[in-house]
Amino acid sequence: MVNSVTVNGVTYTDDDNASTGLANGGHRTRFIPCLSNALIDFAVKQAAAASANGVLAITYTFDTTTTDADPAAGKLRLGNATQNAATVIRTDLLDSLGVDWTAVLDTFDASTNAVKGQVRLSKVADGSKWLTFNLTARAAPAGYRNLTVTNTGSSAASPFANGDSILLSFTRTGDLGATGAAGTLSGSASGSINFARATVASHATTADIWGALGNQIDWTGTATTTIFPNAPQAGAERVLICAGACSFTAGANMLIDGVASAATVTCAANDQVIVRAVSATQFKLSRVKYDGTAQVASGVSTGDSCVTVHTGNGHGSTNTKIRRFTTAMINVGTAITYADSAANGGAFTINEAGMYSIFYADTPTAADTMGASVNSTQLTTNINSITLTNRLMMTIGASAYTISVSGVFLLAVNDVIRAHTGGGPSDITDKVWFSIRKIGNA
């Protein structure tokens, strides 16, 4: 038969001993302390057992208050009255025995994983009441700690009552491992491969198609994209399915089929744009139009870029062999830019590489040469004497007769075409014509 018990370092007996006995009125002063010490002793042994199994355990008294403030010595509270809906656990720095756990609590977020560990709250002496959480962050206000958590399970919506003795158990998540080397894939597949599909909003520079969880991407929005973020490696590929009108501007690192540098192509709904990484920072884009027509520069057909000018206006005062014109009768499309200057004469700058037809008619007042030059710097020299590679076409005409010359040429971006003569033609009627039209892509 047991006649005495020692709990939490204090001995209690069933006799009338003046110091330890519970008989003859001793229970009036010793029973409650005995019970309290018994519960504390039980909680300490539970914590010790948890620690022996590699789980950190701290005893607290539960406080049903939810205010973001120090819960008071030895107490723990949650940030929501519905306990399994709480996203914050507020713990005092001292446990219910007055032990300072500050240094330990401040390691709860030490893991490099997004989820730092798992927290379990359970009622002392009643394991049927519990809550479990994933811990993702820790804050350190003065006197207590706020633990950011997500509930993962519970015995009830709110299993704890105010004043319950509870046990906080914590299991740390391991650190993230080192990133492994990129794998390689080769050989023949004997089955199908199913690629995921994701959504990315268009943006001028930051639309991260490479980080999206899919090789096929629903491309939303109407922003004009001038570059993508860096690709993971050369050879990476994504297929953008356009949700509506969206645009891409070609450049040194945005190579677009059929589109000159600095020009913009506008896509329509359901068009596909295949993006291939030439390197981590340079990309090649190929457009597949939903309507089945071929991709062309800037969204216009080649014949829609044309400049036709007429009526002679002499020659440039500085560039004395470059013809000027009075009237621009046709100036459509974006492939050609026309400019006329009193000093420099007329110039036609090519914005899109491709095939161009050129026609020039003039009426010299004396026998003279006339034609067209490309990128010539000999602008005060008779066309028949300039460098051959700069002479596109040339003819010789007699006085007072209208003569013409024409041809089809492959021109590059930034080529400059001029009506180049020997300086003699001075007709100022509408018999003087110069026309240049894009007729095909490069």
Protein backbone atom coordinates (compact mmCIF):
# COMPACT_ATOMS: atom_id res chain seq x y z
CA MET A 1 0.00 0.00 0.00
CA VAL A 2 1.35 3.46 -0.98
CA ASN A 3 1.45 5.83 2.03
CA SER A 4 3.30 8.76 0.40
CA VAL A 5 4.00 10.39 -2.97
CA THR A 6 6.63 12.86 -4.15
CA VAL A 7 5.65 15.17 -6.98
CA ASN A 8 7.71 18.00 -8.40
CA GLY A 9 10.19 17.57 -5.51
CA VAL A 10 7.58 17.79 -2.69
CA THR A 11 6.52 14.78 -0.55
CA TYR A 12 2.91 14.23 0.59
CA THR A 13 1.74 11.54 3.11
CA ASP A 14 -1.63 10.06 4.16
CA ASP A 15 -1.05 10.67 7.88
CA ASP A 16 -1.35 13.71 10.13
CA ASN A 17 2.31 14.71 9.82
CA ALA A 18 2.47 18.45 10.43
CA SER A 19 4.65 19.08 7.36
CA THR A 20 3.47 16.52 4.80
CA GLY A 21 0.23 14.93 6.00
CA LEU A 22 -3.16 15.18 4.31
CA ALA A 23 -5.10 13.72 7.32
CA ASN A 24 -6.73 15.62 10.21
CA GLY A 25 -7.20 18.84 8.20
CA GLY A 26 -3.92 18.70 6.33
CA HIS A 27 -5.80 18.29 3.06
CA ARG A 28 -7.17 21.82 3.44
CA THR A 29 -3.72 23.33 2.85
CA ARG A 30 -1.89 20.62 0.91
CA PHE A 31 -4.37 18.94 -1.48
CA ILE A 32 -4.51 21.73 -4.12
CA PRO A 33 -0.70 22.22 -4.15
CA CYS A 34 -0.32 18.44 -4.39
CA LEU A 35 -2.68 18.28 -7.38
CA SER A 36 -1.03 21.27 -9.07
CA ASN A 37 2.43 19.82 -8.59
CA ALA A 38 1.19 16.49 -9.90
CA LEU A 39 -0.02 18.12 -13.10
CA ILE A 40 3.24 20.07 -13.48
CA ASP A 41 5.21 16.89 -12.89
CA PHE A 42 3.11 15.11 -15.54
CA ALA A 43 3.67 17.91 -18.06
CA VAL A 44 7.42 17.91 -17.40
CA LYS A 45 7.58 14.15 -17.94
CA GLN A 46 5.57 14.51 -21.18
CA ALA A 47 7.97 17.18 -22.39
CA ALA A 48 10.94 15.05 -21.42
CA ALA A 49 9.48 12.05 -23.28
CA ALA A 50 8.89 14.18 -26.39
CA SER A 51 12.43 15.56 -26.22
CA ALA A 52 13.81 12.04 -25.90
CA ASN A 53 12.13 11.27 -29.24
CA GLY A 54 13.75 14.26 -30.95
CA VAL A 55 10.70 16.55 -30.56
CA LEU A 56 11.08 19.84 -28.70
CA ALA A 57 8.30 20.33 -26.10
CA ILE A 58 7.40 23.36 -23.93
CA THR A 59 4.59 23.58 -21.34
CA TYR A 60 2.24 26.59 -21.35
CA THR A 61 -1.07 27.72 -19.88
CA PHE A 62 -3.62 28.41 -22.62
CA ASP A 63 -5.10 31.92 -22.85
CA THR A 64 -8.24 32.41 -24.97
CA THR A 65 -7.44 36.10 -25.58
CA THR A 66 -6.45 36.71 -29.25
CA THR A 67 -4.93 40.21 -29.00
CA ASP A 68 -1.47 40.69 -30.49
CA ALA A 69 0.31 41.37 -27.20
CA ASP A 70 2.48 39.57 -24.66
CA PRO A 71 0.29 36.70 -23.35
CA ALA A 72 1.97 37.07 -19.88
CA ALA A 73 4.43 34.76 -18.18
CA GLY A 74 3.93 31.08 -18.96
CA LYS A 75 1.02 31.63 -21.32
CA LEU A 76 0.23 30.89 -24.98
CA ARG A 77 -2.58 32.29 -27.09
CA LEU A 78 -3.77 32.03 -30.71
CA GLY A 79 -4.63 34.79 -33.15
CA ASN A 80 -8.19 33.57 -33.78
CA ALA A 81 -11.02 32.62 -31.40
CA THR A 82 -11.72 29.64 -33.68
CA GLN A 83 -8.55 27.86 -32.79
CA ASN A 84 -8.04 25.73 -35.91
CA ALA A 85 -8.47 28.87 -38.06
CA ALA A 86 -5.57 30.64 -36.35
CA THR A 87 -2.63 31.77 -38.48
CA VAL A 88 -0.53 33.04 -35.56
CA ILE A 89 0.60 31.41 -32.30
CA ARG A 90 1.68 33.88 -29.61
CA THR A 91 4.07 32.38 -27.04
CA ASP A 92 5.54 33.98 -23.95
CA LEU A 93 9.30 33.65 -23.56
CA LEU A 94 8.80 31.78 -20.27
CA ASP A 95 7.04 28.43 -19.95
CA SER A 96 4.57 27.58 -17.19
CA LEU A 97 7.46 26.61 -14.89
CA GLY A 98 9.22 29.95 -15.43
CA VAL A 99 11.95 28.52 -17.66
CA ASP A 100 13.21 30.99 -20.32
CA TRP A 101 12.91 29.50 -23.83
CA THR A 102 13.90 32.64 -25.80
CA ALA A 103 17.01 31.16 -27.39
CA VAL A 104 15.12 28.02 -28.46
CA LEU A 105 12.06 29.85 -29.80
CA ASP A 106 14.34 32.02 -31.93
CA THR A 107 15.56 28.92 -33.80
CA PHE A 108 12.08 27.85 -34.89
CA ASP A 109 12.50 29.53 -38.30
CA ALA A 110 16.11 28.45 -38.88
CA SER A 111 15.32 25.92 -41.61
CA THR A 112 15.97 27.05 -45.18
CA ASN A 113 12.75 25.30 -46.27
CA ALA A 114 9.61 27.36 -46.81
CA VAL A 115 7.93 25.27 -44.10
CA LYS A 116 10.23 25.63 -41.09
CA GLY A 117 8.70 22.85 -39.05
CA GLN A 118 5.58 21.33 -37.52
CA VAL A 119 3.91 22.55 -34.30
CA ARG A 120 1.57 20.39 -32.21
CA LEU A 121 -0.48 21.81 -29.30
CA SER A 122 -2.00 19.20 -26.98
CA LYS A 123 -3.77 19.30 -23.63
CA VAL A 124 -1.76 17.92 -20.74
CA ALA A 125 -3.34 14.72 -19.37
CA ASP A 126 -5.85 14.61 -22.25
CA GLY A 127 -4.20 13.63 -25.51
CA SER A 128 -7.56 13.62 -27.31
CA LYS A 129 -7.47 17.42 -27.55
CA TRP A 130 -4.93 18.79 -30.03
CA LEU A 131 -4.08 21.12 -32.94
CA THR A 132 -1.33 20.77 -35.55
CA PHE A 133 0.25 23.47 -37.73
CA ASN A 134 2.96 24.07 -40.30
CA LEU A 135 5.23 26.93 -39.20
CA THR A 136 6.48 29.28 -41.94
CA ALA A 137 7.83 32.37 -40.13
CA ARG A 138 8.68 33.92 -36.77
CA ALA A 139 8.42 37.51 -35.50
CA ALA A 140 10.09 38.79 -32.34
CA PRO A 141 8.10 41.55 -30.58
CA ALA A 142 9.32 42.49 -27.09
CA GLY A 143 8.55 39.84 -24.46
CA TYR A 144 6.97 37.21 -26.71
CA ARG A 145 7.12 35.56 -30.14
CA ASN A 146 4.58 35.43 -32.98
CA LEU A 147 4.77 32.22 -34.99
CA THR A 148 3.13 32.32 -38.44
CA VAL A 149 1.37 29.02 -39.01
CA THR A 150 -1.11 27.14 -41.20
CA ASN A 151 -3.41 24.62 -39.55
CA THR A 152 -3.00 21.05 -40.78
CA GLY A 153 -5.30 19.22 -38.38
CA SER A 154 -7.34 19.41 -35.15
CA SER A 155 -9.38 17.27 -32.79
CA ALA A 156 -12.08 19.99 -32.81
CA ALA A 157 -12.47 23.54 -34.06
CA SER A 158 -11.51 24.90 -30.60
CA PRO A 159 -10.31 22.07 -28.34
CA PHE A 160 -8.77 24.18 -25.54
CA ALA A 161 -10.40 26.12 -22.70
CA ASN A 162 -8.97 29.14 -20.92
CA GLY A 163 -6.43 28.04 -18.32
CA ASP A 164 -5.80 24.59 -19.81
CA SER A 165 -2.30 23.29 -19.32
CA ILE A 166 -0.98 22.55 -22.81
CA LEU A 167 2.16 21.21 -24.39
CA LEU A 168 3.78 22.87 -27.44
CA SER A 169 5.77 20.32 -29.43
CA PHE A 170 8.00 21.40 -32.35
CA THR A 171 9.68 19.29 -35.02
CA ARG A 172 12.14 21.15 -37.25
CA THR A 173 12.09 20.66 -41.04
CA GLY A 174 15.45 19.83 -42.60
CA ASP A 175 17.27 22.40 -44.73
CA LEU A 176 16.85 22.46 -48.49
CA GLY A 177 19.37 20.28 -50.28
CA ALA A 178 21.80 21.62 -52.85
CA THR A 179 20.45 22.08 -56.38
CA GLY A 180 21.42 19.11 -58.49
CA ALA A 181 23.10 19.33 -61.86
CA ALA A 182 20.82 19.73 -64.88
CA GLY A 183 19.89 16.39 -66.36
CA THR A 184 19.98 15.41 -70.01
CA LEU A 185 17.35 13.64 -72.08
CA SER A 186 18.13 11.65 -75.18
CA GLY A 187 16.98 8.56 -77.00
CA SER A 188 13.62 7.57 -78.49
CA ALA A 189 10.30 7.85 -76.70
CA SER A 190 7.97 4.90 -77.14
CA GLY A 191 4.98 6.71 -75.65
CA SER A 192 3.41 10.14 -75.52
CA ILE A 193 4.70 13.13 -73.54
CA ASN A 194 2.05 15.46 -72.11
CA PHE A 195 3.14 19.06 -71.58
CA ALA A 196 1.48 21.33 -69.04
CA ARG A 197 -0.20 24.62 -69.99
CA ALA A 198 0.13 27.83 -67.99
CA THR A 199 -0.98 31.48 -68.16
CA VAL A 200 1.35 34.51 -68.38
CA ALA A 201 0.32 38.16 -68.78
CA SER A 202 2.12 40.10 -71.49
CA HIS A 203 4.59 42.77 -70.38
CA ALA A 204 7.25 44.86 -72.08
CA THR A 205 10.20 43.20 -70.33
CA THR A 206 9.23 41.04 -67.34
CA ALA A 207 6.78 38.41 -68.62
CA ASP A 208 8.51 35.28 -67.29
CA ILE A 209 7.53 32.58 -69.75
CA TRP A 210 10.45 30.41 -68.57
CA GLY A 211 9.30 30.25 -64.94
CA ALA A 212 5.70 29.38 -65.85
CA LEU A 213 4.58 25.84 -65.07
CA GLY A 214 3.96 24.78 -68.64
CA ASN A 215 5.49 24.71 -72.13
CA GLN A 216 2.25 25.95 -73.68
CA ILE A 217 1.27 29.39 -72.38
CA ASP A 218 -1.98 31.31 -72.64
CA TRP A 219 -0.60 34.77 -73.44
CA THR A 220 -2.98 37.40 -72.03
CA GLY A 221 -3.04 41.20 -72.15
CA THR A 222 -2.15 43.68 -74.87
CA ALA A 223 1.30 44.96 -73.82
CA THR A 224 4.03 45.23 -76.47
CA THR A 225 6.87 42.88 -75.55
CA THR A 226 10.40 44.01 -76.39
CA ILE A 227 12.36 41.30 -74.51
CA PHE A 228 11.84 38.29 -72.24
CA PRO A 229 13.61 37.51 -68.96
CA ASN A 230 16.66 35.26 -69.26
CA ALA A 231 16.00 31.70 -70.41
CA PRO A 232 17.34 28.80 -68.32
CA GLN A 233 19.52 27.70 -71.24
CA ALA A 234 19.95 27.93 -75.01
CA GLY A 235 17.46 25.69 -76.78
CA ALA A 236 14.60 26.27 -74.32
CA GLU A 237 11.27 26.68 -76.10
CA ARG A 238 7.77 27.92 -75.26
CA VAL A 239 4.60 28.24 -77.35
CA LEU A 240 2.50 31.35 -76.65
CA ILE A 241 -1.19 31.16 -77.57
CA CYS A 242 -2.43 34.75 -77.95
CA ALA A 243 -5.65 35.54 -76.09
CA GLY A 244 -6.17 38.70 -78.14
CA ALA A 245 -4.29 41.46 -79.94
CA CYS A 246 -0.73 41.56 -78.60
CA SER A 247 2.51 42.88 -80.05
CA PHE A 248 6.21 42.04 -80.21
CA THR A 249 8.98 44.42 -81.25
CA ALA A 250 12.02 43.02 -83.05
CA GLY A 251 15.51 43.91 -81.89
CA ALA A 252 19.05 42.60 -81.53
CA ASN A 253 17.88 40.04 -78.97
CA MET A 254 14.31 39.59 -80.30
CA LEU A 255 14.67 38.04 -83.74
CA ILE A 256 11.20 37.82 -85.33
CA ASP A 257 10.66 35.99 -88.61
CA GLY A 258 10.02 38.52 -91.39
CA VAL A 259 10.20 41.56 -89.10
CA ALA A 260 12.99 44.14 -89.28
CA SER A 261 14.77 45.36 -86.15
CA ALA A 262 12.72 48.05 -84.35
CA ALA A 263 9.56 47.08 -86.27
CA THR A 264 6.55 45.69 -84.41
CA VAL A 265 4.32 42.77 -85.34
CA THR A 266 0.78 42.62 -83.94
CA CYS A 267 -0.84 39.23 -83.42
CA ALA A 268 -4.51 38.31 -83.31
CA ALA A 269 -6.48 36.04 -81.00
CA ASN A 270 -5.44 32.37 -81.27
CA ASP A 271 -2.24 33.16 -83.16
CA GLN A 272 0.70 31.15 -81.84
CA VAL A 273 4.16 32.58 -81.22
CA ILE A 274 6.94 30.02 -80.84
CA VAL A 275 9.78 31.41 -78.72
CA ARG A 276 13.15 29.65 -78.93
CA ALA A 277 16.14 30.67 -76.83
CA VAL A 278 19.18 31.18 -79.08
CA SER A 279 21.08 31.91 -75.88
CA ALA A 280 19.97 32.81 -72.37
CA THR A 281 19.43 36.41 -73.50
CA GLN A 282 18.59 36.18 -77.22
CA PHE A 283 15.32 34.81 -78.59
CA LYS A 284 13.92 33.82 -81.99
CA LEU A 285 10.18 34.19 -82.51
CA SER A 286 8.09 32.47 -85.20
CA ARG A 287 4.44 33.41 -85.62
CA VAL A 288 1.82 30.92 -86.79
CA LYS A 289 -1.30 32.84 -87.81
CA TYR A 290 -4.64 31.36 -86.84
CA ASP A 291 -6.22 32.43 -90.15
CA GLY A 292 -3.68 30.37 -92.09
CA THR A 293 -2.03 33.24 -93.95
CA ALA A 294 1.73 33.71 -93.99
CA GLN A 295 3.56 35.84 -91.46
CA VAL A 296 4.69 39.16 -92.95
CA ALA A 297 6.43 42.17 -91.50
CA SER A 298 4.49 44.60 -89.37
CA GLY A 299 1.18 42.95 -90.16
CA VAL A 300 0.85 44.39 -93.71
CA SER A 301 1.17 42.72 -97.07
CA THR A 302 4.34 43.46 -99.02
CA GLY A 303 2.44 45.43 -101.69
CA ASP A 304 1.09 47.81 -99.07
CA SER A 305 4.50 49.53 -98.72
CA CYS A 306 4.99 51.93 -101.61
CA VAL A 307 6.24 55.47 -102.22
CA THR A 308 5.55 57.23 -105.53
CA VAL A 309 6.64 60.84 -106.13
CA HIS A 310 6.31 63.03 -109.25
CA THR A 311 7.01 66.46 -110.76
CA GLY A 312 10.67 67.41 -110.87
CA ASN A 313 12.04 70.04 -108.50
CA GLY A 314 15.66 70.32 -109.57
CA HIS A 315 18.57 68.80 -107.59
CA GLY A 316 19.92 69.22 -104.10
CA SER A 317 22.04 72.33 -103.54
CA THR A 318 24.69 70.25 -101.72
CA ASN A 319 24.06 66.86 -103.30
CA THR A 320 24.03 68.29 -106.82
CA LYS A 321 23.42 65.02 -108.64
CA ILE A 322 20.44 63.89 -106.48
CA ARG A 323 17.00 64.65 -107.94
CA ARG A 324 14.21 66.33 -105.95
CA PHE A 325 10.44 65.93 -106.38
CA THR A 326 7.50 68.17 -105.63
CA THR A 327 4.64 65.80 -104.84
CA ALA A 328 4.37 62.52 -102.92
CA MET A 329 1.39 60.91 -104.64
CA ILE A 330 1.57 57.57 -102.71
CA ASN A 331 3.23 56.99 -99.35
CA VAL A 332 1.83 53.91 -97.60
CA GLY A 333 3.15 51.15 -95.35
CA THR A 334 6.17 51.11 -93.06
CA ALA A 335 8.82 49.45 -95.22
CA ILE A 336 10.01 52.71 -96.84
CA THR A 337 10.64 56.19 -95.42
CA TYR A 338 10.78 59.12 -97.88
CA ALA A 339 12.47 62.43 -97.09
CA ASP A 340 13.19 65.45 -99.30
CA SER A 341 15.70 68.16 -98.51
CA ALA A 342 16.60 71.32 -100.45
CA ALA A 343 20.27 70.64 -99.72
CA ASN A 344 20.38 66.84 -99.93
CA GLY A 345 17.68 65.97 -102.47
CA GLY A 346 15.24 63.10 -102.17
CA ALA A 347 16.08 59.89 -100.24
CA PHE A 348 14.19 56.60 -99.75
CA THR A 349 15.31 54.66 -96.64
CA ILE A 350 14.52 50.91 -96.42
CA ASN A 351 13.08 49.76 -93.07
CA GLU A 352 12.38 46.13 -93.94
CA ALA A 353 14.64 43.72 -95.81
CA GLY A 354 13.08 42.31 -98.97
CA MET A 355 12.57 42.50 -102.71
CA TYR A 356 11.75 45.94 -104.14
CA SER A 357 10.73 47.15 -107.59
CA ILE A 358 12.04 50.60 -108.60
CA PHE A 359 10.86 52.74 -111.53
CA TYR A 360 12.32 56.13 -112.56
CA ALA A 361 11.20 58.33 -115.51
CA ASP A 362 12.69 61.75 -116.37
CA THR A 363 13.04 64.20 -119.28
CA PRO A 364 16.54 65.65 -119.68
CA THR A 365 16.97 68.99 -121.47
CA ALA A 366 20.22 67.67 -122.94
CA ALA A 367 21.71 64.24 -123.37
CA ASP A 368 22.38 62.92 -119.87
CA THR A 369 22.51 59.85 -117.62
CA MET A 370 19.98 58.99 -114.93
CA GLY A 371 19.18 56.06 -112.66
CA ALA A 372 19.20 55.02 -108.99
CA SER A 373 22.04 54.63 -106.47
CA VAL A 374 22.17 52.76 -103.16
CA ASN A 375 24.16 53.98 -100.15
CA SER A 376 26.33 56.19 -102.35
CA THR A 377 28.51 58.89 -100.79
CA GLN A 378 29.44 60.31 -104.23
CA LEU A 379 26.42 62.57 -104.37
CA THR A 380 28.05 65.27 -106.49
CA THR A 381 29.37 62.75 -109.05
CA ASN A 382 27.62 61.72 -112.28
CA ILE A 383 25.93 58.33 -111.73
CA ASN A 384 27.94 56.81 -114.58
CA SER A 385 31.13 57.55 -112.60
CA ILE A 386 30.19 56.45 -109.06
CA THR A 387 31.38 53.18 -107.53
CA LEU A 388 29.77 50.28 -109.40
CA THR A 389 28.47 48.57 -106.25
CA ASN A 390 26.47 51.71 -105.43
CA ARG A 391 24.90 51.94 -108.89
CA LEU A 392 21.58 50.05 -108.92
CA MET A 393 20.45 50.98 -112.45
CA MET A 394 21.27 53.56 -115.13
CA THR A 395 20.27 54.71 -118.59
CA ILE A 396 21.26 57.47 -121.05
CA GLY A 397 18.68 59.73 -122.67
CA ALA A 398 18.59 62.30 -125.43
CA SER A 399 17.41 65.88 -125.07
CA ALA A 400 13.67 66.49 -124.69
CA TYR A 401 12.79 62.79 -124.67
CA THR A 402 11.19 61.12 -121.66
CA ILE A 403 13.22 58.07 -120.75
CA SER A 404 12.77 55.52 -117.98
CA VAL A 405 14.68 52.78 -116.19
CA SER A 406 13.42 50.09 -113.80
CA GLY A 407 14.51 46.95 -111.97
CA VAL A 408 13.89 44.57 -109.07
CA PHE A 409 16.44 44.49 -106.24
CA LEU A 410 17.09 42.73 -102.93
CA LEU A 411 17.53 45.49 -100.36
CA ALA A 412 18.57 45.45 -96.72
CA VAL A 413 17.41 47.42 -93.71
CA ASN A 414 18.84 50.98 -93.68
CA ASP A 415 19.73 50.95 -97.38
CA VAL A 416 19.25 54.48 -98.85
CA ILE A 417 18.01 54.77 -102.43
CA ARG A 418 18.28 58.01 -104.45
CA ALA A 419 17.29 59.21 -107.95
CA HIS A 420 20.83 59.86 -109.16
CA THR A 421 21.63 61.73 -112.42
CA GLY A 422 24.41 63.49 -114.24
CA GLY A 423 22.94 66.81 -113.08
CA GLY A 424 21.31 67.60 -116.43
CA PRO A 425 17.59 66.64 -116.10
CA SER A 426 15.70 69.73 -115.06
CA ASP A 427 12.14 69.04 -116.20
CA ILE A 428 9.63 70.26 -113.64
CA THR A 429 6.49 68.66 -115.07
CA ASP A 430 4.63 65.56 -113.95
CA LYS A 431 6.54 63.57 -116.61
CA VAL A 432 9.13 63.08 -113.87
CA TRP A 433 8.33 60.01 -111.73
CA PHE A 434 10.07 57.88 -109.11
CA SER A 435 8.36 54.88 -107.52
CA ILE A 436 9.60 52.20 -105.10
CA ARG A 437 7.47 49.32 -103.87
CA LYS A 438 8.14 46.32 -101.64
CA ILE A 439 7.09 43.16 -103.46
CA GLY A 440 8.49 40.34 -101.33
CA ASN A 441 10.22 39.43 -98.06
CA ALA A 442 13.88 38.59 -97.86
